Amino acid sequence: MGLEERVAALEGRLRAAEDHLAILNLLNSYGPLVDSGSSEQAAALWVEGGGYSYTGGSSRETRLEAPEQLIAVYEGSGHQTLVKTGTAHLLTAPKITIDGDCASAVAYTVVVLREGDRWYIMRAAINHYALIRTTEGWRISERLNRTLTGGDESLEIMRRIIGQ
């Protein structure tokens, strides 16, 4: 392999590593942003018109569109009660797959809530993120979040991901 080929291969590997790191940083910024009440910055992790689909609590399935609907939820009384009580949205290390200017990531999320002097896990979910490279960097185009209830949908999402 000649020098030009080696440099091209190194450039490709470097770009892949940089993309992976950028996606990790993007996804891992979500928790501190929503837990600190930084609604607009949290919503800016998505492309305009991107979606966040979730289930849990009294919600069967809800899809919020970025940025306005996400900001409204983060600034709403339900989320603000979590922020003022003390909460942590934790993301496990995601499995990231990059294909050019598109990527997907899969990870668990856990929401921890303070109750007096103790902390407890309020919610655990499986997440699938579709991401796209934009002129501003990587952004979420869709996030699918399903509470780990043992139900068919959350299990199917995990099985599909394992098969990737």
N, C-alpha and C. Protein backbone atom coordinates (compact mmCIF):
# COMPACT_ATOMS: atom_id res chain seq x y z
N MET A 1 0.85 -1.17 0.00
CA MET A 1 0.00 0.00 0.00
C MET A 1 0.90 1.24 0.00
N GLY A 2 0.64 2.13 -0.93
CA GLY A 2 1.44 3.34 -1.05
C GLY A 2 1.03 4.40 -0.03
N LEU A 3 1.81 5.45 0.00
CA LEU A 3 1.59 6.54 0.96
C LEU A 3 0.21 7.17 0.80
N GLU A 4 -0.19 7.43 -0.43
CA GLU A 4 -1.50 8.06 -0.65
C GLU A 4 -2.63 7.18 -0.14
N GLU A 5 -2.54 5.91 -0.37
CA GLU A 5 -3.58 4.98 0.10
C GLU A 5 -3.60 4.93 1.63
N ARG A 6 -2.39 4.91 2.21
CA ARG A 6 -2.31 4.86 3.68
C ARG A 6 -2.89 6.14 4.29
N VAL A 7 -2.58 7.28 3.72
CA VAL A 7 -3.12 8.56 4.22
C VAL A 7 -4.64 8.57 4.06
N ALA A 8 -5.14 8.13 2.94
CA ALA A 8 -6.59 8.09 2.71
C ALA A 8 -7.26 7.16 3.72
N ALA A 9 -6.65 6.01 3.98
CA ALA A 9 -7.20 5.09 4.97
C ALA A 9 -7.21 5.72 6.36
N LEU A 10 -6.12 6.39 6.72
CA LEU A 10 -6.05 7.06 8.02
C LEU A 10 -7.08 8.18 8.12
N GLU A 11 -7.27 8.94 7.06
CA GLU A 11 -8.28 9.99 7.06
C GLU A 11 -9.67 9.41 7.27
N GLY A 12 -9.95 8.30 6.61
CA GLY A 12 -11.25 7.63 6.78
C GLY A 12 -11.46 7.16 8.21
N ARG A 13 -10.42 6.56 8.79
CA ARG A 13 -10.52 6.09 10.17
C ARG A 13 -10.67 7.26 11.14
N LEU A 14 -9.95 8.34 10.89
CA LEU A 14 -10.06 9.52 11.75
C LEU A 14 -11.45 10.13 11.67
N ARG A 15 -12.00 10.23 10.47
CA ARG A 15 -13.34 10.78 10.33
C ARG A 15 -14.35 9.90 11.07
N ALA A 16 -14.23 8.60 10.95
CA ALA A 16 -15.14 7.69 11.65
C ALA A 16 -15.03 7.86 13.17
N ALA A 17 -13.81 8.00 13.67
CA ALA A 17 -13.61 8.20 15.12
C ALA A 17 -14.18 9.55 15.56
N GLU A 18 -13.96 10.59 14.75
CA GLU A 18 -14.50 11.90 15.09
C GLU A 18 -16.02 11.90 15.06
N ASP A 19 -16.62 11.22 14.08
CA ASP A 19 -18.08 11.11 14.02
C ASP A 19 -18.62 10.39 15.25
N HIS A 20 -17.97 9.30 15.60
CA HIS A 20 -18.39 8.52 16.76
C HIS A 20 -18.34 9.39 18.03
N LEU A 21 -17.25 10.09 18.21
CA LEU A 21 -17.10 10.96 19.38
C LEU A 21 -18.12 12.09 19.37
N ALA A 22 -18.38 12.68 18.22
CA ALA A 22 -19.36 13.76 18.13
C ALA A 22 -20.76 13.26 18.51
N ILE A 23 -21.11 12.06 18.07
CA ILE A 23 -22.42 11.49 18.41
C ILE A 23 -22.49 11.18 19.90
N LEU A 24 -21.43 10.61 20.45
CA LEU A 24 -21.40 10.37 21.90
C LEU A 24 -21.60 11.66 22.68
N ASN A 25 -20.89 12.72 22.29
CA ASN A 25 -21.02 14.01 22.98
C ASN A 25 -22.42 14.58 22.84
N LEU A 26 -23.00 14.47 21.65
CA LEU A 26 -24.36 14.95 21.42
C LEU A 26 -25.35 14.23 22.33
N LEU A 27 -25.34 12.90 22.30
CA LEU A 27 -26.31 12.14 23.09
C LEU A 27 -26.10 12.32 24.59
N ASN A 28 -24.84 12.39 25.01
CA ASN A 28 -24.57 12.54 26.44
C ASN A 28 -24.80 13.95 26.96
N SER A 29 -25.03 14.91 26.10
CA SER A 29 -25.35 16.26 26.57
C SER A 29 -26.84 16.39 26.91
N TYR A 30 -27.66 15.47 26.45
CA TYR A 30 -29.11 15.56 26.67
C TYR A 30 -29.47 15.62 28.16
N GLY A 31 -28.98 14.68 28.94
CA GLY A 31 -29.34 14.61 30.37
C GLY A 31 -29.02 15.90 31.11
N PRO A 32 -27.78 16.36 31.09
CA PRO A 32 -27.48 17.61 31.79
C PRO A 32 -28.29 18.80 31.28
N LEU A 33 -28.62 18.82 29.99
CA LEU A 33 -29.41 19.94 29.47
C LEU A 33 -30.83 19.90 30.02
N VAL A 34 -31.50 18.75 29.94
CA VAL A 34 -32.89 18.71 30.42
C VAL A 34 -32.96 18.78 31.94
N ASP A 35 -31.95 18.25 32.62
CA ASP A 35 -31.97 18.28 34.09
C ASP A 35 -31.64 19.65 34.65
N SER A 36 -31.01 20.51 33.84
CA SER A 36 -30.69 21.86 34.29
C SER A 36 -31.74 22.87 33.83
N GLY A 37 -32.76 22.41 33.12
CA GLY A 37 -33.79 23.32 32.64
C GLY A 37 -33.39 24.09 31.39
N SER A 38 -32.39 23.62 30.67
CA SER A 38 -31.92 24.29 29.46
C SER A 38 -32.73 23.80 28.26
N SER A 39 -33.98 24.22 28.21
CA SER A 39 -34.95 23.68 27.26
C SER A 39 -34.57 23.91 25.81
N GLU A 40 -34.21 25.14 25.47
CA GLU A 40 -33.90 25.44 24.07
C GLU A 40 -32.65 24.71 23.60
N GLN A 41 -31.65 24.62 24.46
CA GLN A 41 -30.42 23.91 24.09
C GLN A 41 -30.70 22.41 23.92
N ALA A 42 -31.54 21.85 24.78
CA ALA A 42 -31.89 20.44 24.65
C ALA A 42 -32.63 20.18 23.34
N ALA A 43 -33.58 21.05 23.01
CA ALA A 43 -34.34 20.88 21.77
C ALA A 43 -33.45 21.06 20.54
N ALA A 44 -32.38 21.83 20.67
CA ALA A 44 -31.47 22.07 19.55
C ALA A 44 -30.62 20.84 19.21
N LEU A 45 -30.71 19.78 20.01
CA LEU A 45 -30.01 18.53 19.68
C LEU A 45 -30.67 17.84 18.48
N TRP A 46 -31.92 18.24 18.18
CA TRP A 46 -32.68 17.67 17.07
C TRP A 46 -32.61 18.59 15.85
N VAL A 47 -32.82 18.02 14.68
CA VAL A 47 -33.06 18.84 13.49
C VAL A 47 -34.46 19.41 13.61
N GLU A 48 -34.68 20.54 12.99
CA GLU A 48 -36.02 21.13 13.01
C GLU A 48 -37.00 20.16 12.37
N GLY A 49 -38.09 19.91 13.06
CA GLY A 49 -39.09 18.96 12.58
C GLY A 49 -38.81 17.53 12.99
N GLY A 50 -37.64 17.29 13.60
CA GLY A 50 -37.31 15.96 14.09
C GLY A 50 -38.25 15.55 15.21
N GLY A 51 -38.27 14.27 15.52
CA GLY A 51 -39.24 13.79 16.49
C GLY A 51 -38.66 13.03 17.65
N TYR A 52 -39.43 13.06 18.74
CA TYR A 52 -39.13 12.28 19.95
C TYR A 52 -40.42 11.53 20.28
N SER A 53 -40.40 10.23 20.07
CA SER A 53 -41.55 9.38 20.31
C SER A 53 -41.31 8.57 21.57
N TYR A 54 -42.27 8.62 22.51
CA TYR A 54 -42.07 7.90 23.77
C TYR A 54 -43.39 7.32 24.28
N THR A 55 -43.23 6.37 25.19
CA THR A 55 -44.36 5.81 25.92
C THR A 55 -44.01 5.83 27.39
N GLY A 56 -45.01 5.63 28.21
CA GLY A 56 -44.77 5.56 29.65
C GLY A 56 -45.73 6.44 30.41
N GLY A 57 -45.86 6.15 31.70
CA GLY A 57 -46.79 6.91 32.52
C GLY A 57 -48.19 6.77 31.95
N SER A 58 -48.88 7.87 31.79
CA SER A 58 -50.24 7.84 31.24
C SER A 58 -50.22 7.93 29.71
N SER A 59 -49.03 8.00 29.11
CA SER A 59 -48.90 8.16 27.67
C SER A 59 -48.86 6.81 26.97
N ARG A 60 -49.74 6.61 26.01
CA ARG A 60 -49.68 5.40 25.18
C ARG A 60 -48.53 5.55 24.21
N GLU A 61 -48.60 6.54 23.35
CA GLU A 61 -47.48 6.91 22.50
C GLU A 61 -47.65 8.38 22.15
N THR A 62 -46.58 9.10 22.34
CA THR A 62 -46.57 10.52 22.05
C THR A 62 -45.38 10.81 21.17
N ARG A 63 -45.58 11.64 20.15
CA ARG A 63 -44.46 12.10 19.32
C ARG A 63 -44.43 13.62 19.40
N LEU A 64 -43.32 14.12 19.87
CA LEU A 64 -43.10 15.55 19.96
C LEU A 64 -42.22 15.97 18.80
N GLU A 65 -42.51 17.14 18.21
CA GLU A 65 -41.73 17.65 17.10
C GLU A 65 -40.83 18.78 17.58
N ALA A 66 -39.56 18.70 17.14
CA ALA A 66 -38.56 19.71 17.53
C ALA A 66 -38.72 20.95 16.65
N PRO A 67 -38.42 22.10 17.20
CA PRO A 67 -38.05 22.35 18.58
C PRO A 67 -39.22 22.73 19.49
N GLU A 68 -40.31 23.30 18.93
CA GLU A 68 -41.35 23.92 19.76
C GLU A 68 -41.99 22.96 20.76
N GLN A 69 -42.39 21.77 20.31
CA GLN A 69 -43.06 20.84 21.22
C GLN A 69 -42.12 20.30 22.29
N LEU A 70 -40.86 20.11 21.94
CA LEU A 70 -39.89 19.66 22.95
C LEU A 70 -39.70 20.74 24.01
N ILE A 71 -39.52 21.97 23.58
CA ILE A 71 -39.34 23.08 24.54
C ILE A 71 -40.55 23.18 25.45
N ALA A 72 -41.74 23.06 24.89
CA ALA A 72 -42.97 23.16 25.70
C ALA A 72 -43.01 22.08 26.78
N VAL A 73 -42.59 20.86 26.44
CA VAL A 73 -42.59 19.77 27.44
C VAL A 73 -41.53 20.04 28.50
N TYR A 74 -40.33 20.44 28.07
CA TYR A 74 -39.25 20.69 29.03
C TYR A 74 -39.57 21.86 29.95
N GLU A 75 -40.35 22.83 29.47
CA GLU A 75 -40.72 23.97 30.30
C GLU A 75 -42.06 23.77 31.01
N GLY A 76 -42.72 22.64 30.73
CA GLY A 76 -44.01 22.35 31.34
C GLY A 76 -43.87 21.96 32.81
N SER A 77 -44.99 21.99 33.49
CA SER A 77 -45.00 21.76 34.95
C SER A 77 -44.50 20.36 35.32
N GLY A 78 -44.83 19.34 34.51
CA GLY A 78 -44.38 17.99 34.84
C GLY A 78 -42.87 17.87 34.86
N HIS A 79 -42.23 18.36 33.80
CA HIS A 79 -40.77 18.27 33.75
C HIS A 79 -40.13 19.21 34.76
N GLN A 80 -40.68 20.40 34.92
CA GLN A 80 -40.10 21.35 35.87
C GLN A 80 -40.19 20.84 37.30
N THR A 81 -41.21 20.06 37.62
CA THR A 81 -41.29 19.44 38.94
C THR A 81 -40.13 18.47 39.14
N LEU A 82 -39.80 17.70 38.10
CA LEU A 82 -38.64 16.80 38.18
C LEU A 82 -37.36 17.59 38.42
N VAL A 83 -37.18 18.67 37.67
CA VAL A 83 -35.96 19.48 37.78
C VAL A 83 -35.84 20.04 39.20
N LYS A 84 -36.93 20.55 39.73
CA LYS A 84 -36.88 21.19 41.06
C LYS A 84 -36.78 20.17 42.19
N THR A 85 -37.20 18.93 41.92
CA THR A 85 -37.08 17.86 42.91
C THR A 85 -35.66 17.32 42.95
N GLY A 86 -35.06 17.25 41.78
CA GLY A 86 -33.73 16.65 41.63
C GLY A 86 -33.86 15.41 40.80
N THR A 87 -33.33 15.45 39.60
CA THR A 87 -33.45 14.31 38.69
C THR A 87 -32.17 14.17 37.87
N ALA A 88 -31.96 12.98 37.37
CA ALA A 88 -30.83 12.71 36.48
C ALA A 88 -31.30 11.78 35.36
N HIS A 89 -31.21 12.26 34.13
CA HIS A 89 -31.48 11.44 32.95
C HIS A 89 -30.15 10.84 32.52
N LEU A 90 -29.99 9.55 32.72
CA LEU A 90 -28.72 8.88 32.45
C LEU A 90 -28.81 8.02 31.19
N LEU A 91 -27.79 8.10 30.36
CA LEU A 91 -27.70 7.33 29.13
C LEU A 91 -26.58 6.31 29.29
N THR A 92 -26.87 5.06 28.93
CA THR A 92 -25.80 4.07 28.91
C THR A 92 -24.96 4.29 27.65
N ALA A 93 -23.82 3.66 27.59
CA ALA A 93 -22.96 3.78 26.41
C ALA A 93 -23.73 3.25 25.20
N PRO A 94 -23.91 4.09 24.18
CA PRO A 94 -24.70 3.66 23.03
C PRO A 94 -23.90 2.80 22.06
N LYS A 95 -24.62 1.95 21.35
CA LYS A 95 -24.07 1.23 20.20
C LYS A 95 -24.35 2.12 19.00
N ILE A 96 -23.31 2.61 18.35
CA ILE A 96 -23.45 3.57 17.26
C ILE A 96 -23.05 2.90 15.95
N THR A 97 -23.89 3.10 14.94
CA THR A 97 -23.60 2.62 13.60
C THR A 97 -23.66 3.83 12.67
N ILE A 98 -22.56 4.08 11.94
CA ILE A 98 -22.48 5.24 11.05
C ILE A 98 -22.44 4.76 9.61
N ASP A 99 -23.26 5.41 8.78
CA ASP A 99 -23.31 5.10 7.35
C ASP A 99 -23.31 6.43 6.60
N GLY A 100 -22.13 6.93 6.31
CA GLY A 100 -22.01 8.21 5.61
C GLY A 100 -22.49 9.35 6.48
N ASP A 101 -23.52 10.07 6.00
CA ASP A 101 -24.05 11.22 6.74
C ASP A 101 -25.25 10.86 7.59
N CYS A 102 -25.50 9.56 7.75
CA CYS A 102 -26.59 9.08 8.61
C CYS A 102 -25.99 8.13 9.64
N ALA A 103 -26.65 8.06 10.77
CA ALA A 103 -26.18 7.15 11.83
C ALA A 103 -27.37 6.70 12.65
N SER A 104 -27.17 5.63 13.39
CA SER A 104 -28.16 5.20 14.37
C SER A 104 -27.41 4.86 15.65
N ALA A 105 -28.11 5.02 16.73
CA ALA A 105 -27.53 4.69 18.04
C ALA A 105 -28.62 4.05 18.88
N VAL A 106 -28.20 3.13 19.71
CA VAL A 106 -29.11 2.42 20.60
C VAL A 106 -28.53 2.44 21.99
N ALA A 107 -29.38 2.78 22.96
CA ALA A 107 -28.90 2.83 24.35
C ALA A 107 -30.09 2.73 25.29
N TYR A 108 -29.79 2.32 26.49
CA TYR A 108 -30.77 2.42 27.57
C TYR A 108 -30.72 3.82 28.15
N THR A 109 -31.84 4.28 28.66
CA THR A 109 -31.86 5.48 29.49
C THR A 109 -32.53 5.12 30.80
N VAL A 110 -32.05 5.77 31.84
CA VAL A 110 -32.60 5.59 33.17
C VAL A 110 -32.85 6.99 33.73
N VAL A 111 -34.02 7.19 34.30
CA VAL A 111 -34.32 8.46 34.96
C VAL A 111 -34.29 8.21 36.46
N VAL A 112 -33.43 8.93 37.13
CA VAL A 112 -33.28 8.82 38.58
C VAL A 112 -33.94 10.05 39.19
N LEU A 113 -34.71 9.85 40.25
CA LEU A 113 -35.42 10.96 40.90
C LEU A 113 -35.12 10.95 42.39
N ARG A 114 -34.99 12.15 42.94
CA ARG A 114 -34.76 12.30 44.38
C ARG A 114 -36.10 12.32 45.11
N GLU A 115 -36.14 11.60 46.20
CA GLU A 115 -37.31 11.60 47.08
C GLU A 115 -36.79 11.75 48.50
N GLY A 116 -36.83 12.99 49.02
CA GLY A 116 -36.25 13.24 50.34
C GLY A 116 -34.75 13.07 50.28
N ASP A 117 -34.24 12.15 51.12
CA ASP A 117 -32.80 11.90 51.16
C ASP A 117 -32.37 10.69 50.33
N ARG A 118 -33.30 10.11 49.60
CA ARG A 118 -32.94 8.93 48.81
C ARG A 118 -33.19 9.20 47.33
N TRP A 119 -32.52 8.39 46.52
CA TRP A 119 -32.67 8.44 45.08
C TRP A 119 -33.19 7.09 44.61
N TYR A 120 -34.06 7.10 43.62
CA TYR A 120 -34.56 5.84 43.09
C TYR A 120 -34.71 5.95 41.57
N ILE A 121 -34.71 4.77 40.93
CA ILE A 121 -34.91 4.73 39.49
C ILE A 121 -36.40 4.86 39.23
N MET A 122 -36.76 5.92 38.55
CA MET A 122 -38.15 6.19 38.23
C MET A 122 -38.58 5.48 36.95
N ARG A 123 -37.63 5.34 36.01
CA ARG A 123 -37.99 4.83 34.69
C ARG A 123 -36.75 4.28 34.00
N ALA A 124 -36.93 3.19 33.28
CA ALA A 124 -35.87 2.65 32.43
C ALA A 124 -36.48 2.41 31.05
N ALA A 125 -35.70 2.72 30.02
CA ALA A 125 -36.23 2.60 28.65
C ALA A 125 -35.12 2.21 27.69
N ILE A 126 -35.55 1.66 26.56
CA ILE A 126 -34.66 1.41 25.43
C ILE A 126 -34.89 2.55 24.44
N ASN A 127 -33.81 3.02 23.83
CA ASN A 127 -33.88 4.14 22.90
C ASN A 127 -33.20 3.79 21.60
N HIS A 128 -33.82 4.20 20.50
CA HIS A 128 -33.20 4.11 19.19
C HIS A 128 -33.18 5.52 18.62
N TYR A 129 -32.00 5.98 18.25
CA TYR A 129 -31.82 7.32 17.69
C TYR A 129 -31.45 7.19 16.22
N ALA A 130 -32.11 7.98 15.38
CA ALA A 130 -31.68 8.18 14.00
C ALA A 130 -31.02 9.55 13.98
N LEU A 131 -29.82 9.61 13.44
CA LEU A 131 -29.06 10.86 13.43
C LEU A 131 -28.66 11.22 12.01
N ILE A 132 -28.42 12.51 11.81
CA ILE A 132 -28.02 13.00 10.50
C ILE A 132 -26.95 14.06 10.67
N ARG A 133 -26.00 14.05 9.76
CA ARG A 133 -24.95 15.08 9.77
C ARG A 133 -25.54 16.34 9.13
N THR A 134 -25.43 17.45 9.81
CA THR A 134 -25.90 18.73 9.29
C THR A 134 -24.70 19.68 9.19
N THR A 135 -24.95 20.88 8.69
CA THR A 135 -23.87 21.86 8.64
C THR A 135 -23.44 22.28 10.03
N GLU A 136 -24.30 22.07 11.05
CA GLU A 136 -23.95 22.39 12.44
C GLU A 136 -23.38 21.18 13.18
N GLY A 137 -23.22 20.06 12.49
CA GLY A 137 -22.75 18.83 13.12
C GLY A 137 -23.86 17.80 13.18
N TRP A 138 -23.64 16.73 13.92
CA TRP A 138 -24.63 15.66 14.05
C TRP A 138 -25.83 16.15 14.85
N ARG A 139 -27.02 15.75 14.41
CA ARG A 139 -28.25 16.08 15.11
C ARG A 139 -29.17 14.85 15.07
N ILE A 140 -30.08 14.80 16.02
CA ILE A 140 -31.07 13.72 16.09
C ILE A 140 -32.19 14.04 15.11
N SER A 141 -32.54 13.09 14.27
CA SER A 141 -33.72 13.28 13.42
C SER A 141 -34.94 12.60 14.03
N GLU A 142 -34.74 11.47 14.67
CA GLU A 142 -35.82 10.77 15.37
C GLU A 142 -35.25 10.04 16.58
N ARG A 143 -36.01 10.09 17.67
CA ARG A 143 -35.67 9.30 18.85
C ARG A 143 -36.90 8.51 19.23
N LEU A 144 -36.73 7.21 19.32
CA LEU A 144 -37.79 6.30 19.74
C LEU A 144 -37.41 5.82 21.13
N ASN A 145 -38.26 6.07 22.12
CA ASN A 145 -38.01 5.73 23.51
C ASN A 145 -39.16 4.86 23.98
N ARG A 146 -38.85 3.66 24.42
CA ARG A 146 -39.90 2.75 24.90
C ARG A 146 -39.55 2.25 26.29
N THR A 147 -40.47 2.46 27.21
CA THR A 147 -40.30 2.01 28.58
C THR A 147 -40.13 0.49 28.60
N LEU A 148 -39.21 0.03 29.43
CA LEU A 148 -38.94 -1.40 29.54
C LEU A 148 -39.99 -2.04 30.46
N THR A 149 -41.11 -2.38 29.86
CA THR A 149 -42.21 -2.97 30.59
C THR A 149 -42.24 -4.49 30.47
N GLY A 150 -41.38 -5.03 29.60
CA GLY A 150 -41.45 -6.45 29.30
C GLY A 150 -42.44 -6.73 28.18
N GLY A 151 -43.08 -5.66 27.68
CA GLY A 151 -44.05 -5.80 26.60
C GLY A 151 -43.38 -6.07 25.27
N ASP A 152 -44.20 -6.48 24.32
CA ASP A 152 -43.70 -6.88 23.01
C ASP A 152 -42.91 -5.79 22.29
N GLU A 153 -43.38 -4.53 22.37
CA GLU A 153 -42.72 -3.48 21.60
C GLU A 153 -41.29 -3.23 22.07
N SER A 154 -41.08 -3.09 23.38
CA SER A 154 -39.72 -2.83 23.85
C SER A 154 -38.81 -4.04 23.59
N LEU A 155 -39.35 -5.24 23.73
CA LEU A 155 -38.56 -6.43 23.45
C LEU A 155 -38.20 -6.52 21.97
N GLU A 156 -39.15 -6.20 21.09
CA GLU A 156 -38.90 -6.24 19.65
C GLU A 156 -37.83 -5.22 19.25
N ILE A 157 -37.87 -4.04 19.84
CA ILE A 157 -36.86 -3.03 19.54
C ILE A 157 -35.47 -3.57 19.92
N MET A 158 -35.36 -4.17 21.10
CA MET A 158 -34.07 -4.71 21.52
C MET A 158 -33.62 -5.84 20.61
N ARG A 159 -34.53 -6.73 20.22
CA ARG A 159 -34.15 -7.83 19.33
C ARG A 159 -33.70 -7.32 17.96
N ARG A 160 -34.41 -6.34 17.44
CA ARG A 160 -34.05 -5.75 16.15
C ARG A 160 -32.65 -5.14 16.21
N ILE A 161 -32.36 -4.48 17.30
CA ILE A 161 -31.06 -3.82 17.48
C ILE A 161 -29.94 -4.86 17.57
N ILE A 162 -30.18 -5.92 18.30
CA ILE A 162 -29.16 -6.97 18.45
C ILE A 162 -28.83 -7.56 17.09
N GLY A 163 -29.82 -7.65 16.20
CA GLY A 163 -29.62 -8.20 14.87
C GLY A 163 -28.86 -7.28 13.93
N GLN A 164 -28.66 -6.03 14.31
CA GLN A 164 -27.98 -5.07 13.42
C GLN A 164 -26.52 -5.40 13.30
